[in-house]
Amino acid sequence: MFSPVRSTAIVLVISSTLLLSGCQYTGITETRLNQQLSAQLVGEDKPPLQATFSGLALQYQISDVQLNLEAAAGGQVVTALKGTLQGELELFGRSLALAAPFEPQITSGLNYVDGQMFLSEPRITDWGRPLPATLQPWLAQLETSLTENLTQTPVYQLDNSLQEQLMALLVSGVEVQDDRLAFQF
């Protein structure tokens, strides 16, 4: 890797470049996070989240996503999703079509890894509208599948500009504050 002297020199060059370019990044607003996450997940042109269980195949098309950053409880992210669950249920040798609104609220932490922020340890804290009774036996599997999908999708990536790419080299973590993420160096 780099020697301590060379590493220090690299950090100084990057820091100087950011300061001279007028970079005032100390964090990311909740609004900006919502814009990037919506661009990744929302819309008919985006692939739906998929879940397949014994006798049940589902797709979840997300129509809206809203992150709320809260400093409470050591920093948590509350994610509200809106969309439609669609799929087919195999029951007694027959295939039944299923479509239902699905609006869960998910509470999680946040991990920072190599310029990307991911939800960590998400759990559904509110299922929103009641789901059809035919889905009740699969609620635990549905929660596991949805939360696994969400932990693999970056909430934000520091790659939207040269300044962000340089910041990604310096940031060691993020702190969840009310309505924003603060960078840790």
C-alpha atoms as a PDB file:
ATOM      1  CA  MET A   1       0.000   0.000   0.000  1.00  0.00           C
ATOM      2  CA  PHE A   2       1.177   3.582   0.543  1.00  0.00           C
ATOM      3  CA  SER A   3       3.790   4.727   3.045  1.00  0.00           C
ATOM      4  CA  PRO A   4       2.533   6.987   5.873  1.00  0.00           C
ATOM      5  CA  VAL A   5       4.223  10.017   4.273  1.00  0.00           C
ATOM      6  CA  ARG A   6       2.656   9.320   0.884  1.00  0.00           C
ATOM      7  CA  SER A   7      -0.771   8.692   2.434  1.00  0.00           C
ATOM      8  CA  THR A   8      -0.565  12.009   4.278  1.00  0.00           C
ATOM      9  CA  ALA A   9       0.445  13.776   1.077  1.00  0.00           C
ATOM     10  CA  ILE A  10      -2.506  12.254  -0.810  1.00  0.00           C
ATOM     11  CA  VAL A  11      -4.943  13.325   1.914  1.00  0.00           C
ATOM     12  CA  LEU A  12      -3.500  16.862   1.867  1.00  0.00           C
ATOM     13  CA  VAL A  13      -3.774  17.102  -1.915  1.00  0.00           C
ATOM     14  CA  ILE A  14      -7.378  15.874  -1.912  1.00  0.00           C
ATOM     15  CA  SER A  15      -8.312  18.143   1.015  1.00  0.00           C
ATOM     16  CA  SER A  16      -6.699  21.150  -0.658  1.00  0.00           C
ATOM     17  CA  THR A  17      -8.480  20.388  -3.929  1.00  0.00           C
ATOM     18  CA  LEU A  18     -11.823  20.183  -2.153  1.00  0.00           C
ATOM     19  CA  LEU A  19     -11.258  23.421  -0.239  1.00  0.00           C
ATOM     20  CA  LEU A  20     -10.007  25.342  -3.271  1.00  0.00           C
ATOM     21  CA  SER A  21     -12.935  24.140  -5.361  1.00  0.00           C
ATOM     22  CA  GLY A  22     -15.330  25.579  -2.801  1.00  0.00           C
ATOM     23  CA  CYS A  23     -16.532  22.197  -1.584  1.00  0.00           C
ATOM     24  CA  GLN A  24     -18.676  22.655   1.480  1.00  0.00           C
ATOM     25  CA  TYR A  25     -19.790  19.053   1.793  1.00  0.00           C
ATOM     26  CA  THR A  26     -20.232  18.088   5.385  1.00  0.00           C
ATOM     27  CA  GLY A  27     -23.117  15.776   4.723  1.00  0.00           C
ATOM     28  CA  ILE A  28     -26.131  14.932   2.603  1.00  0.00           C
ATOM     29  CA  THR A  29     -29.652  16.205   3.093  1.00  0.00           C
ATOM     30  CA  GLU A  30     -32.646  13.951   3.444  1.00  0.00           C
ATOM     31  CA  THR A  31     -34.073  15.522   0.280  1.00  0.00           C
ATOM     32  CA  ARG A  32     -31.019  14.553  -1.752  1.00  0.00           C
ATOM     33  CA  LEU A  33     -31.103  10.983  -0.407  1.00  0.00           C
ATOM     34  CA  ASN A  34     -34.769  10.679  -1.360  1.00  0.00           C
ATOM     35  CA  GLN A  35     -34.073  11.963  -4.871  1.00  0.00           C
ATOM     36  CA  GLN A  36     -31.329   9.415  -5.524  1.00  0.00           C
ATOM     37  CA  LEU A  37     -33.189   6.481  -3.976  1.00  0.00           C
ATOM     38  CA  SER A  38     -36.374   7.351  -5.885  1.00  0.00           C
ATOM     39  CA  ALA A  39     -34.392   7.462  -9.123  1.00  0.00           C
ATOM     40  CA  GLN A  40     -33.174   3.924  -8.405  1.00  0.00           C
ATOM     41  CA  LEU A  41     -36.397   2.289  -7.216  1.00  0.00           C
ATOM     42  CA  VAL A  42     -39.492   4.217  -8.353  1.00  0.00           C
ATOM     43  CA  GLY A  43     -41.217   3.937 -11.698  1.00  0.00           C
ATOM     44  CA  GLU A  44     -42.703   1.475 -14.118  1.00  0.00           C
ATOM     45  CA  ASP A  45     -39.363   1.313 -15.938  1.00  0.00           C
ATOM     46  CA  LYS A  46     -37.582   0.054 -12.792  1.00  0.00           C
ATOM     47  CA  PRO A  47     -37.467  -3.684 -12.196  1.00  0.00           C
ATOM     48  CA  PRO A  48     -39.766  -4.761  -9.361  1.00  0.00           C
ATOM     49  CA  LEU A  49     -38.391  -6.458  -6.263  1.00  0.00           C
ATOM     50  CA  GLN A  50     -38.891 -10.214  -6.563  1.00  0.00           C
ATOM     51  CA  ALA A  51     -39.774 -12.804  -3.927  1.00  0.00           C
ATOM     52  CA  THR A  52     -40.483 -16.485  -4.427  1.00  0.00           C
ATOM     53  CA  PHE A  53     -41.615 -18.833  -1.686  1.00  0.00           C
ATOM     54  CA  SER A  54     -43.113 -22.285  -1.672  1.00  0.00           C
ATOM     55  CA  GLY A  55     -46.313 -21.870  -3.690  1.00  0.00           C
ATOM     56  CA  LEU A  56     -46.031 -18.085  -4.005  1.00  0.00           C
ATOM     57  CA  ALA A  57     -44.251 -15.811  -6.504  1.00  0.00           C
ATOM     58  CA  LEU A  58     -44.455 -12.052  -5.887  1.00  0.00           C
ATOM     59  CA  GLN A  59     -43.286  -8.845  -7.484  1.00  0.00           C
ATOM     60  CA  TYR A  60     -43.274  -5.524  -5.668  1.00  0.00           C
ATOM     61  CA  GLN A  61     -43.440  -2.469  -7.914  1.00  0.00           C
ATOM     62  CA  ILE A  62     -42.509   0.588  -5.845  1.00  0.00           C
ATOM     63  CA  SER A  63     -44.378   3.792  -6.684  1.00  0.00           C
ATOM     64  CA  ASP A  64     -42.980   5.991  -3.890  1.00  0.00           C
ATOM     65  CA  VAL A  65     -40.171   5.889  -1.337  1.00  0.00           C
ATOM     66  CA  GLN A  66     -39.493   8.392   1.427  1.00  0.00           C
ATOM     67  CA  LEU A  67     -36.570   8.272   3.838  1.00  0.00           C
ATOM     68  CA  ASN A  68     -36.778  10.082   7.147  1.00  0.00           C
ATOM     69  CA  LEU A  69     -33.508  10.526   9.038  1.00  0.00           C
ATOM     70  CA  GLU A  70     -33.821  10.639  12.823  1.00  0.00           C
ATOM     71  CA  ALA A  71     -31.034  11.208  15.344  1.00  0.00           C
ATOM     72  CA  ALA A  72     -33.101   9.416  18.011  1.00  0.00           C
ATOM     73  CA  ALA A  73     -32.036   5.972  19.191  1.00  0.00           C
ATOM     74  CA  GLY A  74     -28.459   6.468  18.010  1.00  0.00           C
ATOM     75  CA  GLY A  75     -29.503   7.420  14.506  1.00  0.00           C
ATOM     76  CA  GLN A  76     -32.109   5.587  12.531  1.00  0.00           C
ATOM     77  CA  VAL A  77     -33.563   5.651   9.054  1.00  0.00           C
ATOM     78  CA  VAL A  78     -37.326   5.298   8.688  1.00  0.00           C
ATOM     79  CA  THR A  79     -38.257   4.278   5.143  1.00  0.00           C
ATOM     80  CA  ALA A  80     -41.842   4.467   3.940  1.00  0.00           C
ATOM     81  CA  LEU A  81     -42.594   2.522   0.761  1.00  0.00           C
ATOM     82  CA  LYS A  82     -45.703   2.570  -1.389  1.00  0.00           C
ATOM     83  CA  GLY A  83     -46.423   0.185  -4.170  1.00  0.00           C
ATOM     84  CA  THR A  84     -48.279  -2.870  -5.334  1.00  0.00           C
ATOM     85  CA  LEU A  85     -47.638  -6.528  -4.616  1.00  0.00           C
ATOM     86  CA  GLN A  86     -48.575  -8.717  -7.565  1.00  0.00           C
ATOM     87  CA  GLY A  87     -48.132 -12.382  -8.066  1.00  0.00           C
ATOM     88  CA  GLU A  88     -49.551 -15.838  -8.207  1.00  0.00           C
ATOM     89  CA  LEU A  89     -50.421 -18.184  -5.424  1.00  0.00           C
ATOM     90  CA  GLU A  90     -50.477 -21.913  -6.055  1.00  0.00           C
ATOM     91  CA  LEU A  91     -53.162 -23.407  -3.849  1.00  0.00           C
ATOM     92  CA  PHE A  92     -54.603 -26.898  -4.140  1.00  0.00           C
ATOM     93  CA  GLY A  93     -53.298 -27.225  -7.683  1.00  0.00           C
ATOM     94  CA  ARG A  94     -54.856 -23.961  -8.813  1.00  0.00           C
ATOM     95  CA  SER A  95     -53.134 -20.698  -9.636  1.00  0.00           C
ATOM     96  CA  LEU A  96     -54.718 -17.602  -8.081  1.00  0.00           C
ATOM     97  CA  ALA A  97     -53.771 -14.088  -9.197  1.00  0.00           C
ATOM     98  CA  LEU A  98     -52.993 -11.667  -6.418  1.00  0.00           C
ATOM     99  CA  ALA A  99     -52.691  -7.856  -6.398  1.00  0.00           C
ATOM    100  CA  ALA A 100     -52.662  -5.700  -3.281  1.00  0.00           C
ATOM    101  CA  PRO A 101     -51.391  -2.292  -2.199  1.00  0.00           C
ATOM    102  CA  PHE A 102     -48.346  -2.663   0.037  1.00  0.00           C
ATOM    103  CA  GLU A 103     -47.146   0.292   2.103  1.00  0.00           C
ATOM    104  CA  PRO A 104     -44.707  -0.881   4.779  1.00  0.00           C
ATOM    105  CA  GLN A 105     -42.667   1.349   7.042  1.00  0.00           C
ATOM    106  CA  ILE A 106     -39.166   0.083   7.710  1.00  0.00           C
ATOM    107  CA  THR A 107     -36.810   1.189  10.477  1.00  0.00           C
ATOM    108  CA  SER A 108     -33.081   0.564  10.111  1.00  0.00           C
ATOM    109  CA  GLY A 109     -29.582   1.785  10.740  1.00  0.00           C
ATOM    110  CA  LEU A 110     -27.154   2.884   8.051  1.00  0.00           C
ATOM    111  CA  ASN A 111     -23.794   1.458   6.933  1.00  0.00           C
ATOM    112  CA  TYR A 112     -21.162   3.324   4.937  1.00  0.00           C
ATOM    113  CA  VAL A 113     -18.984   1.152   2.677  1.00  0.00           C
ATOM    114  CA  ASP A 114     -16.594   2.495   0.028  1.00  0.00           C
ATOM    115  CA  GLY A 115     -18.561   5.604  -0.899  1.00  0.00           C
ATOM    116  CA  GLN A 116     -21.960   3.908  -0.642  1.00  0.00           C
ATOM    117  CA  MET A 117     -24.600   4.036   2.077  1.00  0.00           C
ATOM    118  CA  PHE A 118     -26.788   1.007   2.747  1.00  0.00           C
ATOM    119  CA  LEU A 119     -29.661   0.306   5.124  1.00  0.00           C
ATOM    120  CA  SER A 120     -28.557  -2.018   7.925  1.00  0.00           C
ATOM    121  CA  GLU A 121     -30.646  -4.372  10.040  1.00  0.00           C
ATOM    122  CA  PRO A 122     -33.987  -3.225   8.602  1.00  0.00           C
ATOM    123  CA  ARG A 123     -37.231  -4.388  10.143  1.00  0.00           C
ATOM    124  CA  ILE A 124     -40.814  -3.681   9.192  1.00  0.00           C
ATOM    125  CA  THR A 125     -42.345  -1.636  12.019  1.00  0.00           C
ATOM    126  CA  ASP A 126     -45.679  -0.970  10.319  1.00  0.00           C
ATOM    127  CA  TRP A 127     -47.249  -3.083   7.560  1.00  0.00           C
ATOM    128  CA  GLY A 128     -49.459  -0.197   6.391  1.00  0.00           C
ATOM    129  CA  ARG A 129     -52.732  -1.375   4.934  1.00  0.00           C
ATOM    130  CA  PRO A 130     -53.837  -4.873   5.930  1.00  0.00           C
ATOM    131  CA  LEU A 131     -52.598  -7.470   3.464  1.00  0.00           C
ATOM    132  CA  PRO A 132     -54.938 -10.104   2.025  1.00  0.00           C
ATOM    133  CA  ALA A 133     -55.523 -13.062   4.337  1.00  0.00           C
ATOM    134  CA  THR A 134     -53.982 -15.361   1.705  1.00  0.00           C
ATOM    135  CA  LEU A 135     -50.592 -13.683   2.372  1.00  0.00           C
ATOM    136  CA  GLN A 136     -50.669 -14.027   6.169  1.00  0.00           C
ATOM    137  CA  PRO A 137     -48.771 -17.355   6.257  1.00  0.00           C
ATOM    138  CA  TRP A 138     -45.897 -15.749   4.317  1.00  0.00           C
ATOM    139  CA  LEU A 139     -45.473 -12.475   6.262  1.00  0.00           C
ATOM    140  CA  ALA A 140     -42.165 -13.461   7.900  1.00  0.00           C
ATOM    141  CA  GLN A 141     -40.740 -14.631   4.552  1.00  0.00           C
ATOM    142  CA  LEU A 142     -42.044 -11.501   2.834  1.00  0.00           C
ATOM    143  CA  GLU A 143     -40.339  -9.278   5.433  1.00  0.00           C
ATOM    144  CA  THR A 144     -37.058 -11.172   5.089  1.00  0.00           C
ATOM    145  CA  SER A 145     -37.123 -10.967   1.301  1.00  0.00           C
ATOM    146  CA  LEU A 146     -37.998  -7.255   1.234  1.00  0.00           C
ATOM    147  CA  THR A 147     -35.398  -6.258   3.826  1.00  0.00           C
ATOM    148  CA  GLU A 148     -32.679  -8.326   2.110  1.00  0.00           C
ATOM    149  CA  ASN A 149     -33.455  -6.563  -1.185  1.00  0.00           C
ATOM    150  CA  LEU A 150     -33.259  -3.167   0.500  1.00  0.00           C
ATOM    151  CA  THR A 151     -29.925  -3.862   2.216  1.00  0.00           C
ATOM    152  CA  GLN A 152     -28.383  -4.594  -1.183  1.00  0.00           C
ATOM    153  CA  THR A 153     -29.559  -1.339  -2.801  1.00  0.00           C
ATOM    154  CA  PRO A 154     -27.394   1.690  -1.958  1.00  0.00           C
ATOM    155  CA  VAL A 155     -29.393   4.533  -0.424  1.00  0.00           C
ATOM    156  CA  TYR A 156     -26.769   6.941  -1.768  1.00  0.00           C
ATOM    157  CA  GLN A 157     -23.488   6.746  -3.661  1.00  0.00           C
ATOM    158  CA  LEU A 158     -20.758   9.371  -3.461  1.00  0.00           C
ATOM    159  CA  ASP A 159     -20.143   9.426  -7.212  1.00  0.00           C
ATOM    160  CA  ASN A 160     -22.410  12.170  -8.575  1.00  0.00           C
ATOM    161  CA  SER A 161     -19.586  14.675  -9.068  1.00  0.00           C
ATOM    162  CA  LEU A 162     -15.816  14.934  -8.880  1.00  0.00           C
ATOM    163  CA  GLN A 163     -16.185  16.513  -5.455  1.00  0.00           C
ATOM    164  CA  GLU A 164     -18.210  13.553  -4.205  1.00  0.00           C
ATOM    165  CA  GLN A 165     -15.699  11.100  -5.646  1.00  0.00           C
ATOM    166  CA  LEU A 166     -12.901  12.904  -3.799  1.00  0.00           C
ATOM    167  CA  MET A 167     -14.996  12.992  -0.612  1.00  0.00           C
ATOM    168  CA  ALA A 168     -15.478   9.236  -0.840  1.00  0.00           C
ATOM    169  CA  LEU A 169     -11.707   8.849  -0.428  1.00  0.00           C
ATOM    170  CA  LEU A 170     -11.764  10.775   2.862  1.00  0.00           C
ATOM    171  CA  VAL A 171     -15.034   9.799   4.505  1.00  0.00           C
ATOM    172  CA  SER A 172     -14.734   7.002   7.051  1.00  0.00           C
ATOM    173  CA  GLY A 173     -18.391   6.860   8.043  1.00  0.00           C
ATOM    174  CA  VAL A 174     -21.652   8.735   8.370  1.00  0.00           C
ATOM    175  CA  GLU A 175     -23.725   9.840  11.318  1.00  0.00           C
ATOM    176  CA  VAL A 176     -27.506   9.955  11.091  1.00  0.00           C
ATOM    177  CA  GLN A 177     -28.793  13.320  12.281  1.00  0.00           C
ATOM    178  CA  ASP A 178     -32.261  14.812  12.019  1.00  0.00           C
ATOM    179  CA  ASP A 179     -32.970  15.395   8.300  1.00  0.00           C
ATOM    180  CA  ARG A 180     -29.360  14.823   7.143  1.00  0.00           C
ATOM    181  CA  LEU A 181     -26.332  12.543   7.149  1.00  0.00           C
ATOM    182  CA  ALA A 182     -23.087  14.024   8.480  1.00  0.00           C
ATOM    183  CA  PHE A 183     -19.764  12.752   7.177  1.00  0.00           C
ATOM    184  CA  GLN A 184     -17.137  11.436   9.564  1.00  0.00           C
ATOM    185  CA  PHE A 185     -13.491  11.818   8.584  1.00  0.00           C
END
